[in-house]
PDB file of all heavy atoms in Angstrom:
ATOM      1  N   ILE A   1     117.133  82.998  77.603  1.00  0.00           N
ATOM      2  CA  ILE A   1     116.076  83.137  78.609  1.00  0.00           C
ATOM      3  C   ILE A   1     115.915  81.870  79.437  1.00  0.00           C
ATOM      4  O   ILE A   1     115.686  81.938  80.644  1.00  0.00           O
ATOM      5  CB  ILE A   1     114.735  83.514  77.935  1.00  0.00           C
ATOM      6  CG1 ILE A   1     114.822  84.943  77.378  1.00  0.00           C
ATOM      7  CG2 ILE A   1     113.564  83.398  78.889  1.00  0.00           C
ATOM      8  CD1 ILE A   1     115.109  86.022  78.410  1.00  0.00           C
ATOM      9  N   ALA A   2     116.045  80.705  78.846  1.00  0.00           N
ATOM     10  CA  ALA A   2     115.883  79.462  79.613  1.00  0.00           C
ATOM     11  C   ALA A   2     116.931  79.379  80.724  1.00  0.00           C
ATOM     12  O   ALA A   2     116.629  78.985  81.852  1.00  0.00           O
ATOM     13  CB  ALA A   2     115.983  78.251  78.698  1.00  0.00           C
ATOM     14  N   ALA A   3     118.165  79.789  80.424  1.00  0.00           N
ATOM     15  CA  ALA A   3     119.223  79.773  81.437  1.00  0.00           C
ATOM     16  C   ALA A   3     118.955  80.816  82.516  1.00  0.00           C
ATOM     17  O   ALA A   3     119.163  80.559  83.706  1.00  0.00           O
ATOM     18  CB  ALA A   3     120.581  80.017  80.791  1.00  0.00           C
ATOM     19  N   VAL A   4     118.479  81.993  82.117  1.00  0.00           N
ATOM     20  CA  VAL A   4     118.138  83.032  83.094  1.00  0.00           C
ATOM     21  C   VAL A   4     117.028  82.529  84.007  1.00  0.00           C
ATOM     22  O   VAL A   4     117.099  82.662  85.234  1.00  0.00           O
ATOM     23  CB  VAL A   4     117.711  84.341  82.393  1.00  0.00           C
ATOM     24  CG1 VAL A   4     117.129  85.331  83.391  1.00  0.00           C
ATOM     25  CG2 VAL A   4     118.885  84.961  81.652  1.00  0.00           C
ATOM     26  N   ALA A   5     116.003  81.929  83.417  1.00  0.00           N
ATOM     27  CA  ALA A   5     114.886  81.412  84.215  1.00  0.00           C
ATOM     28  C   ALA A   5     115.363  80.339  85.182  1.00  0.00           C
ATOM     29  O   ALA A   5     114.988  80.339  86.359  1.00  0.00           O
ATOM     30  CB  ALA A   5     113.795  80.858  83.302  1.00  0.00           C
ATOM     31  N   ALA A   6     116.192  79.435  84.705  1.00  0.00           N
ATOM     32  CA  ALA A   6     116.686  78.351  85.558  1.00  0.00           C
ATOM     33  C   ALA A   6     117.494  78.898  86.729  1.00  0.00           C
ATOM     34  O   ALA A   6     117.462  78.347  87.829  1.00  0.00           O
ATOM     35  CB  ALA A   6     117.534  77.381  84.746  1.00  0.00           C
ATOM     36  N   TYR A   7     118.200  79.994  86.502  1.00  0.00           N
ATOM     37  CA  TYR A   7     119.000  80.580  87.579  1.00  0.00           C
ATOM     38  C   TYR A   7     118.151  81.461  88.498  1.00  0.00           C
ATOM     39  O   TYR A   7     118.226  81.369  89.719  1.00  0.00           O
ATOM     40  CB  TYR A   7     120.159  81.406  87.015  1.00  0.00           C
ATOM     41  CG  TYR A   7     121.012  81.956  88.129  1.00  0.00           C
ATOM     42  CD1 TYR A   7     121.985  81.167  88.729  1.00  0.00           C
ATOM     43  CD2 TYR A   7     120.803  83.229  88.630  1.00  0.00           C
ATOM     44  CE1 TYR A   7     122.732  81.634  89.785  1.00  0.00           C
ATOM     45  CE2 TYR A   7     121.544  83.710  89.687  1.00  0.00           C
ATOM     46  CZ  TYR A   7     122.503  82.911  90.263  1.00  0.00           C
ATOM     47  OH  TYR A   7     123.225  83.377  91.320  1.00  0.00           O
ATOM     48  N   ALA A   8     117.338  82.333  87.918  1.00  0.00           N
ATOM     49  CA  ALA A   8     116.644  83.363  88.697  1.00  0.00           C
ATOM     50  C   ALA A   8     115.426  82.852  89.456  1.00  0.00           C
ATOM     51  O   ALA A   8     115.181  83.263  90.592  1.00  0.00           O
ATOM     52  CB  ALA A   8     116.228  84.512  87.779  1.00  0.00           C
ATOM     53  N   LEU A   9     114.650  81.975  88.851  1.00  0.00           N
ATOM     54  CA  LEU A   9     113.366  81.597  89.456  1.00  0.00           C
ATOM     55  C   LEU A   9     113.485  80.966  90.843  1.00  0.00           C
ATOM     56  O   LEU A   9     112.707  81.311  91.724  1.00  0.00           O
ATOM     57  CB  LEU A   9     112.571  80.702  88.508  1.00  0.00           C
ATOM     58  CG  LEU A   9     112.171  81.397  87.203  1.00  0.00           C
ATOM     59  CD1 LEU A   9     111.382  80.452  86.317  1.00  0.00           C
ATOM     60  CD2 LEU A   9     111.390  82.667  87.461  1.00  0.00           C
ATOM     61  N   PRO A  10     114.435  80.088  91.087  1.00  0.00           N
ATOM     62  CA  PRO A  10     114.532  79.533  92.432  1.00  0.00           C
ATOM     63  C   PRO A  10     115.040  80.547  93.466  1.00  0.00           C
ATOM     64  O   PRO A  10     114.930  80.326  94.658  1.00  0.00           O
ATOM     65  CB  PRO A  10     115.539  78.392  92.305  1.00  0.00           C
ATOM     66  CG  PRO A  10     115.690  78.135  90.859  1.00  0.00           C
ATOM     67  CD  PRO A  10     115.323  79.405  90.153  1.00  0.00           C
ATOM     68  N   ARG A  11     115.578  81.662  93.013  1.00  0.00           N
ATOM     69  CA  ARG A  11     116.202  82.628  93.917  1.00  0.00           C
ATOM     70  C   ARG A  11     115.372  83.886  94.146  1.00  0.00           C
ATOM     71  O   ARG A  11     115.798  84.779  94.866  1.00  0.00           O
ATOM     72  CB  ARG A  11     117.567  83.029  93.363  1.00  0.00           C
ATOM     73  CG  ARG A  11     118.565  81.897  93.364  1.00  0.00           C
ATOM     74  CD  ARG A  11     119.789  82.238  92.539  1.00  0.00           C
ATOM     75  NE  ARG A  11     120.821  81.228  92.652  1.00  0.00           N
ATOM     76  CZ  ARG A  11     120.849  80.116  91.948  1.00  0.00           C
ATOM     77  NH1 ARG A  11     119.897  79.863  91.062  1.00  0.00           N
ATOM     78  NH2 ARG A  11     121.824  79.237  92.110  1.00  0.00           N
ATOM     79  N   ALA A  12     114.229  84.015  93.504  1.00  0.00           N
ATOM     80  CA  ALA A  12     113.439  85.248  93.601  1.00  0.00           C
ATOM     81  C   ALA A  12     111.976  84.926  93.872  1.00  0.00           C
ATOM     82  O   ALA A  12     111.456  83.921  93.407  1.00  0.00           O
ATOM     83  CB  ALA A  12     113.570  86.037  92.302  1.00  0.00           C
ATOM     84  N   GLU A  13     111.324  85.808  94.600  1.00  0.00           N
ATOM     85  CA  GLU A  13     109.894  85.691  94.854  1.00  0.00           C
ATOM     86  C   GLU A  13     109.143  86.391  93.722  1.00  0.00           C
ATOM     87  O   GLU A  13     109.621  87.403  93.190  1.00  0.00           O
ATOM     88  CB  GLU A  13     109.544  86.345  96.189  1.00  0.00           C
ATOM     89  CG  GLU A  13     110.128  85.629  97.388  1.00  0.00           C
ATOM     90  CD  GLU A  13     109.576  84.222  97.542  1.00  0.00           C
ATOM     91  OE1 GLU A  13     108.369  84.012  97.320  1.00  0.00           O
ATOM     92  OE2 GLU A  13     110.364  83.316  97.883  1.00  0.00           O
ATOM     93  N   PRO A  14     107.950  85.892  93.349  1.00  0.00           N
ATOM     94  CA  PRO A  14     107.210  86.490  92.225  1.00  0.00           C
ATOM     95  C   PRO A  14     107.021  88.002  92.323  1.00  0.00           C
ATOM     96  O   PRO A  14     107.297  88.709  91.351  1.00  0.00           O
ATOM     97  CB  PRO A  14     105.871  85.748  92.241  1.00  0.00           C
ATOM     98  CG  PRO A  14     106.163  84.456  92.905  1.00  0.00           C
ATOM     99  CD  PRO A  14     107.255  84.733  93.897  1.00  0.00           C
ATOM    100  N   PRO A  15     106.577  88.552  93.466  1.00  0.00           N
ATOM    101  CA  PRO A  15     106.390  90.008  93.497  1.00  0.00           C
ATOM    102  C   PRO A  15     107.696  90.776  93.265  1.00  0.00           C
ATOM    103  O   PRO A  15     107.712  91.781  92.560  1.00  0.00           O
ATOM    104  CB  PRO A  15     105.858  90.281  94.906  1.00  0.00           C
ATOM    105  CG  PRO A  15     105.315  88.987  95.390  1.00  0.00           C
ATOM    106  CD  PRO A  15     106.134  87.919  94.705  1.00  0.00           C
ATOM    107  N   ASP A  16     108.782  90.274  93.836  1.00  0.00           N
ATOM    108  CA  ASP A  16     110.074  90.943  93.672  1.00  0.00           C
ATOM    109  C   ASP A  16     110.556  90.865  92.234  1.00  0.00           C
ATOM    110  O   ASP A  16     111.052  91.844  91.672  1.00  0.00           O
ATOM    111  CB  ASP A  16     111.123  90.318  94.597  1.00  0.00           C
ATOM    112  CG  ASP A  16     110.763  90.470  96.058  1.00  0.00           C
ATOM    113  OD1 ASP A  16     110.008  91.407  96.401  1.00  0.00           O
ATOM    114  OD2 ASP A  16     111.215  89.639  96.863  1.00  0.00           O
ATOM    115  N   LEU A  17     110.412  89.697  91.638  1.00  0.00           N
ATOM    116  CA  LEU A  17     110.842  89.501  90.256  1.00  0.00           C
ATOM    117  C   LEU A  17     110.072  90.422  89.312  1.00  0.00           C
ATOM    118  O   LEU A  17     110.654  91.126  88.502  1.00  0.00           O
ATOM    119  CB  LEU A  17     110.644  88.040  89.846  1.00  0.00           C
ATOM    120  CG  LEU A  17     110.985  87.679  88.411  1.00  0.00           C
ATOM    121  CD1 LEU A  17     112.473  87.834  88.157  1.00  0.00           C
ATOM    122  CD2 LEU A  17     110.543  86.274  88.099  1.00  0.00           C
ATOM    123  N   LEU A  18     108.755  90.435  89.446  1.00  0.00           N
ATOM    124  CA  LEU A  18     107.936  91.266  88.561  1.00  0.00           C
ATOM    125  C   LEU A  18     108.195  92.752  88.774  1.00  0.00           C
ATOM    126  O   LEU A  18     108.250  93.519  87.814  1.00  0.00           O
ATOM    127  CB  LEU A  18     106.455  90.943  88.754  1.00  0.00           C
ATOM    128  CG  LEU A  18     106.046  89.553  88.271  1.00  0.00           C
ATOM    129  CD1 LEU A  18     104.618  89.243  88.679  1.00  0.00           C
ATOM    130  CD2 LEU A  18     106.206  89.435  86.767  1.00  0.00           C
ATOM    131  N   ALA A  19     108.351  93.175  90.024  1.00  0.00           N
ATOM    132  CA  ALA A  19     108.640  94.582  90.303  1.00  0.00           C
ATOM    133  C   ALA A  19     109.994  94.971  89.725  1.00  0.00           C
ATOM    134  O   ALA A  19     110.134  96.033  89.112  1.00  0.00           O
ATOM    135  CB  ALA A  19     108.593  94.850  91.803  1.00  0.00           C
ATOM    136  N   PHE A  20     110.987  94.110  89.897  1.00  0.00           N
ATOM    137  CA  PHE A  20     112.319  94.391  89.376  1.00  0.00           C
ATOM    138  C   PHE A  20     112.278  94.556  87.863  1.00  0.00           C
ATOM    139  O   PHE A  20     112.933  95.431  87.302  1.00  0.00           O
ATOM    140  CB  PHE A  20     113.291  93.282  89.771  1.00  0.00           C
ATOM    141  CG  PHE A  20     114.720  93.600  89.452  1.00  0.00           C
ATOM    142  CD1 PHE A  20     115.522  94.217  90.394  1.00  0.00           C
ATOM    143  CD2 PHE A  20     115.252  93.309  88.214  1.00  0.00           C
ATOM    144  CE1 PHE A  20     116.839  94.536  90.094  1.00  0.00           C
ATOM    145  CE2 PHE A  20     116.571  93.614  87.907  1.00  0.00           C
ATOM    146  CZ  PHE A  20     117.373  94.242  88.850  1.00  0.00           C
ATOM    147  N   LEU A  21     111.516  93.717  87.202  1.00  0.00           N
ATOM    148  CA  LEU A  21     111.410  93.763  85.744  1.00  0.00           C
ATOM    149  C   LEU A  21     110.423  94.831  85.267  1.00  0.00           C
ATOM    150  O   LEU A  21     110.174  94.954  84.070  1.00  0.00           O
ATOM    151  CB  LEU A  21     110.994  92.389  85.201  1.00  0.00           C
ATOM    152  CG  LEU A  21     112.006  91.274  85.431  1.00  0.00           C
ATOM    153  CD1 LEU A  21     111.409  89.935  85.024  1.00  0.00           C
ATOM    154  CD2 LEU A  21     113.308  91.538  84.696  1.00  0.00           C
ATOM    155  N   GLU A  22     109.856  95.580  86.219  1.00  0.00           N
ATOM    156  CA  GLU A  22     108.873  96.625  85.928  1.00  0.00           C
ATOM    157  C   GLU A  22     107.679  96.080  85.147  1.00  0.00           C
ATOM    158  O   GLU A  22     107.161  96.708  84.236  1.00  0.00           O
ATOM    159  CB  GLU A  22     109.543  97.786  85.182  1.00  0.00           C
ATOM    160  CG  GLU A  22     110.640  98.445  85.983  1.00  0.00           C
ATOM    161  CD  GLU A  22     111.373  99.543  85.231  1.00  0.00           C
ATOM    162  OE1 GLU A  22     111.088  99.772  84.033  1.00  0.00           O
ATOM    163  OE2 GLU A  22     112.237 100.182  85.860  1.00  0.00           O
ATOM    164  N   MET A  23     107.255  94.862  85.519  1.00  0.00           N
ATOM    165  CA  MET A  23     106.137  94.227  84.825  1.00  0.00           C
ATOM    166  C   MET A  23     105.007  93.845  85.778  1.00  0.00           C
ATOM    167  O   MET A  23     104.044  93.214  85.358  1.00  0.00           O
ATOM    168  CB  MET A  23     106.635  92.996  84.065  1.00  0.00           C
ATOM    169  CG  MET A  23     107.554  93.364  82.928  1.00  0.00           C
ATOM    170  SD  MET A  23     108.003  91.976  81.897  1.00  0.00           S
ATOM    171  CE  MET A  23     106.453  91.528  81.169  1.00  0.00           C
ATOM    172  N   ASP A  24     105.094  94.202  87.055  1.00  0.00           N
ATOM    173  CA  ASP A  24     104.088  93.790  88.024  1.00  0.00           C
ATOM    174  C   ASP A  24     102.693  94.310  87.686  1.00  0.00           C
ATOM    175  O   ASP A  24     101.706  93.634  87.919  1.00  0.00           O
ATOM    176  CB  ASP A  24     104.494  94.165  89.449  1.00  0.00           C
ATOM    177  CG  ASP A  24     104.915  95.613  89.593  1.00  0.00           C
ATOM    178  OD1 ASP A  24     105.364  96.222  88.600  1.00  0.00           O
ATOM    179  OD2 ASP A  24     104.815  96.135  90.715  1.00  0.00           O
ATOM    180  N   ALA A  25     102.598  95.489  87.113  1.00  0.00           N
ATOM    181  CA  ALA A  25     101.298  96.067  86.782  1.00  0.00           C
ATOM    182  C   ALA A  25     100.898  95.840  85.329  1.00  0.00           C
ATOM    183  O   ALA A  25      99.856  96.321  84.888  1.00  0.00           O
ATOM    184  CB  ALA A  25     101.306  97.565  87.086  1.00  0.00           C
ATOM    185  N   ARG A  26     101.688  95.089  84.581  1.00  0.00           N
ATOM    186  CA  ARG A  26     101.387  94.844  83.164  1.00  0.00           C
ATOM    187  C   ARG A  26     100.088  94.053  83.044  1.00  0.00           C
ATOM    188  O   ARG A  26      99.886  93.046  83.723  1.00  0.00           O
ATOM    189  CB  ARG A  26     102.536  94.058  82.529  1.00  0.00           C
ATOM    190  CG  ARG A  26     102.286  93.616  81.115  1.00  0.00           C
ATOM    191  CD  ARG A  26     103.228  94.245  80.157  1.00  0.00           C
ATOM    192  NE  ARG A  26     102.931  93.857  78.801  1.00  0.00           N
ATOM    193  CZ  ARG A  26     103.815  93.372  77.955  1.00  0.00           C
ATOM    194  NH1 ARG A  26     105.064  93.229  78.330  1.00  0.00           N
ATOM    195  NH2 ARG A  26     103.475  93.071  76.733  1.00  0.00           N
ATOM    196  N   PRO A  27      99.181  94.475  82.181  1.00  0.00           N
ATOM    197  CA  PRO A  27      97.933  93.739  82.005  1.00  0.00           C
ATOM    198  C   PRO A  27      98.166  92.386  81.330  1.00  0.00           C
ATOM    199  O   PRO A  27      99.018  92.259  80.450  1.00  0.00           O
ATOM    200  CB  PRO A  27      97.077  94.650  81.122  1.00  0.00           C
ATOM    201  CG  PRO A  27      97.981  95.694  80.586  1.00  0.00           C
ATOM    202  CD  PRO A  27      99.245  95.684  81.383  1.00  0.00           C
TER     203      PRO A  27
END
């Protein structure tokens, strides 16, 4: 996960990342 985060976070916007992971509406 640390490697995924290091790669993905600079390349994705929060709304897009959360929607892609199907977690945007997670409480």
